[in-house]
């Protein structure tokens, strides 16, 4: 067993934070919103007969039950047959419908990579693959259920839009934008109960980042579950005299290259933050944009999970271990600035 896989520290170590109530499931459920995936799609389906929802025996986990209750004739539970679900969704899309196929991100993106590429992206079928509980949010379930490689795999597929939802209201905006978006799409969710970033449903454009906070000393480019802690880190840095811009790079493919180049032009450094392996994820995409766009040289750091299989443990403790919480991000930013 390697040092990084030492389970004793996670389950029985001296750190009190590993045993507090928040650490057991990774979030304070008393202060976060409900999973709105099924509810929002049910609302959209009231006026759009094209919307279909499929899941692979996880209707309760992703709240597709909310859709099934209102549109049972347009809901399909295919059981534990994820590959078949994606191919079925592609067939449904070929008949003029807009199917949303949802399962754990580790299954949808990794197990079904071939089906996403060949059945959905290549023929430009309007299938919306929804990968929920991404990253290490299913901490105790182990490596088979962690999805820390999905962005790296799927952003290489031509004709596939890859989007990370930030919070409840942002997910609503993404689902609304997805209905008429051309071609296939992968929508990456966290636990679906993520802390608020957007007080209201934002007006988004897929492929266009959202600048949430201005700053001059560095830019923190974050996506998905890391946007809220990035904002909190920026607040902490401001109290220490460091001015940090924060960008929600919700669309990883295609990337908003103009926003990346603006960060290099306007600020003194760039830090990318993602709940994903640092190999070939958001950080790599931003680095490519900087290099190919001829940006001026700035200090740059890809911050995420190292290229390793993470320990089994409570998500909140894992975020702290890998410095993907607000204090950790702030510390990495200070190290980058020297």
Foldseek 3Di string as FASTA:
>chain_A
DDPQAPCCCQPPNPDCVSPDPCLQQPHDLVAFDAQCVLVLLLVVCVPPVQEAEEEAPCCVQNVVVSNCVRCVVRYYHPHNPQLVQLLVQLVSLVVPHQYEYEDAQLCNQPVNVVSCQPSFQVVFRLYEYEHEQEFCSVQQVFDSRYHQCRQLSPLVRPREWEFEQAGQLSVSQVVVQSRPDTTYYYYYAHSSGAHDDDPHNDNDDRQDKDWRFDFAAAEEEEEHRLQVLQVVLQVVVVVVVHTYTYIYQRIQVVGNLVVLLVRLVRHAEYEYAYSHELPRHSLVSSVVSCVVVVHDDHQYYYAYDYPDGGYRHRNNVVCVVSLSGNVSVNVVVVVSSD
